[in-house]
Amino acid sequence: QVQLVESGGGLVQPGGSLRLSCAASRIIFSLYDMGWYRQAPGKQRELVAAITSGGLTNYADSVKGRFTISRDNAKNTVYVQMNSLTLEDTAVYYCNAVFNAFGRRDDYWGQGTQVTVSS
């Protein structure tokens, strides 16, 4: 079965950095658009950053200039480098993989990794 496994979360002070990784298995990774979402307590899940199969990127306004999404198709892994973290970045971060072509849509989620920004 398809697996998306996130790692790299943890506790960091305001202004610090983290890099999250999401390793995918049992999909043709290079064909999938990949995204990072987050959900804070009491809030809806929101898109943080996305990268298409062709490498185009998109960011939430709240993270532009601070977060960078990238992918390594050889390693079936997508990353998000998070810099200048603030308290508002505290959330569970989820990896998402979407294939949407030829009349077919596959949509997979990881289990999430906690990011806590606190002094």
Protein backbone atom coordinates (compact mmCIF):
# COMPACT_ATOMS: atom_id res chain seq x y z
CA GLN A 1 0.00 0.00 0.00
CA VAL A 2 1.04 3.59 -0.56
CA GLN A 3 2.94 5.19 2.29
CA LEU A 4 3.93 8.77 2.93
CA VAL A 5 6.19 9.03 5.96
CA GLU A 6 6.99 12.45 7.37
CA SER A 7 9.95 13.20 9.57
CA GLY A 8 11.86 16.16 10.91
CA GLY A 9 9.31 17.73 13.19
CA GLY A 10 10.07 18.80 16.71
CA LEU A 11 10.41 21.67 19.13
CA VAL A 12 12.18 24.81 17.99
CA GLN A 13 12.55 28.33 19.33
CA PRO A 14 11.09 31.31 17.50
CA GLY A 15 13.41 32.34 14.71
CA GLY A 16 14.74 28.83 14.34
CA SER A 17 14.65 26.43 11.43
CA LEU A 18 13.48 22.92 10.67
CA ARG A 19 13.47 20.77 7.59
CA LEU A 20 10.65 18.33 7.13
CA SER A 21 10.97 15.31 4.88
CA CYS A 22 8.30 13.08 3.37
CA ALA A 23 9.36 9.78 1.89
CA ALA A 24 6.91 8.12 -0.47
CA SER A 25 6.67 4.48 -1.37
CA ARG A 26 4.62 2.45 -3.84
CA ILE A 27 3.82 5.38 -6.10
CA ILE A 28 5.51 6.66 -9.23
CA PHE A 29 6.69 9.65 -7.26
CA SER A 30 7.80 11.74 -10.23
CA LEU A 31 4.24 11.82 -11.58
CA TYR A 32 2.72 13.20 -8.41
CA ASP A 33 2.15 16.76 -7.31
CA MET A 34 3.33 17.02 -3.72
CA GLY A 35 2.23 19.33 -0.97
CA TRP A 36 2.73 20.20 2.65
CA TYR A 37 -0.32 21.12 4.70
CA ARG A 38 -0.66 22.01 8.34
CA GLN A 39 -3.37 21.98 10.93
CA ALA A 40 -3.20 23.93 14.16
CA PRO A 41 -5.49 23.16 17.11
CA GLY A 42 -8.98 24.43 16.44
CA LYS A 43 -8.16 25.42 12.87
CA GLN A 44 -8.77 23.92 9.45
CA ARG A 45 -6.04 22.19 7.55
CA GLU A 46 -4.33 24.63 5.21
CA LEU A 47 -1.92 24.41 2.33
CA VAL A 48 1.58 25.53 3.23
CA ALA A 49 3.55 24.77 0.09
CA ALA A 50 3.19 22.68 -3.02
CA ILE A 51 5.38 21.50 -5.86
CA THR A 52 4.09 20.03 -9.08
CA SER A 53 5.51 17.04 -10.86
CA GLY A 54 7.20 19.53 -13.15
CA GLY A 55 8.77 21.46 -10.31
CA LEU A 56 6.50 24.50 -10.13
CA THR A 57 6.04 25.75 -6.59
CA ASN A 58 3.31 27.55 -4.72
CA TYR A 59 3.27 28.93 -1.19
CA ALA A 60 0.80 30.25 1.31
CA ASP A 61 1.23 33.98 1.78
CA SER A 62 2.05 33.43 5.45
CA VAL A 63 5.18 31.41 4.64
CA LYS A 64 6.46 33.09 1.47
CA GLY A 65 10.09 34.02 1.83
CA ARG A 66 10.52 31.75 4.84
CA PHE A 67 9.67 28.25 3.59
CA THR A 68 11.11 26.44 0.59
CA ILE A 69 9.66 23.26 -0.85
CA SER A 70 11.77 20.93 -2.95
CA ARG A 71 11.69 17.38 -4.23
CA ASP A 72 14.20 14.68 -5.03
CA ASN A 73 12.60 12.26 -7.45
CA ALA A 74 15.54 9.87 -7.18
CA LYS A 75 14.84 9.52 -3.46
CA ASN A 76 11.02 9.69 -3.72
CA THR A 77 11.15 12.45 -1.16
CA VAL A 78 9.73 15.93 -0.79
CA TYR A 79 11.13 18.47 1.63
CA VAL A 80 10.14 21.74 3.15
CA GLN A 81 12.83 23.94 4.63
CA MET A 82 11.27 26.20 7.25
CA ASN A 83 13.20 29.25 8.40
CA SER A 84 12.39 32.15 10.70
CA LEU A 85 9.75 30.10 12.46
CA THR A 86 7.14 31.88 14.53
CA LEU A 87 4.66 30.76 17.16
CA GLU A 88 1.98 30.78 14.46
CA ASP A 89 3.80 28.01 12.60
CA THR A 90 3.01 25.56 15.38
CA ALA A 91 0.89 22.79 13.89
CA VAL A 92 0.82 19.22 12.71
CA TYR A 93 2.34 19.15 9.24
CA TYR A 94 1.04 16.67 6.70
CA CYS A 95 2.47 15.49 3.41
CA ASN A 96 0.12 15.06 0.47
CA ALA A 97 0.57 13.36 -2.89
CA VAL A 98 -1.85 13.86 -5.76
CA PHE A 99 -2.00 12.32 -9.20
CA ASN A 100 -4.71 13.83 -11.36
CA ALA A 101 -4.63 12.85 -15.02
CA PHE A 102 -6.22 10.62 -17.61
CA GLY A 103 -9.53 10.66 -15.75
CA ARG A 104 -7.96 9.31 -12.58
CA ARG A 105 -7.29 10.99 -9.27
CA ASP A 106 -5.17 9.45 -6.52
CA ASP A 107 -4.82 11.39 -3.28
CA TYR A 108 -2.67 10.21 -0.39
CA TRP A 109 -1.77 11.65 3.02
CA GLY A 110 0.92 11.03 5.54
CA GLN A 111 0.31 10.59 9.23
CA GLY A 112 1.63 14.03 10.14
CA THR A 113 4.55 15.36 12.13
CA GLN A 114 4.28 17.85 14.96
CA VAL A 115 6.10 21.17 14.74
CA THR A 116 6.09 23.23 17.91
CA VAL A 117 7.57 26.70 18.01
CA SER A 118 8.03 27.85 21.55
CA SER A 119 10.45 29.77 23.70
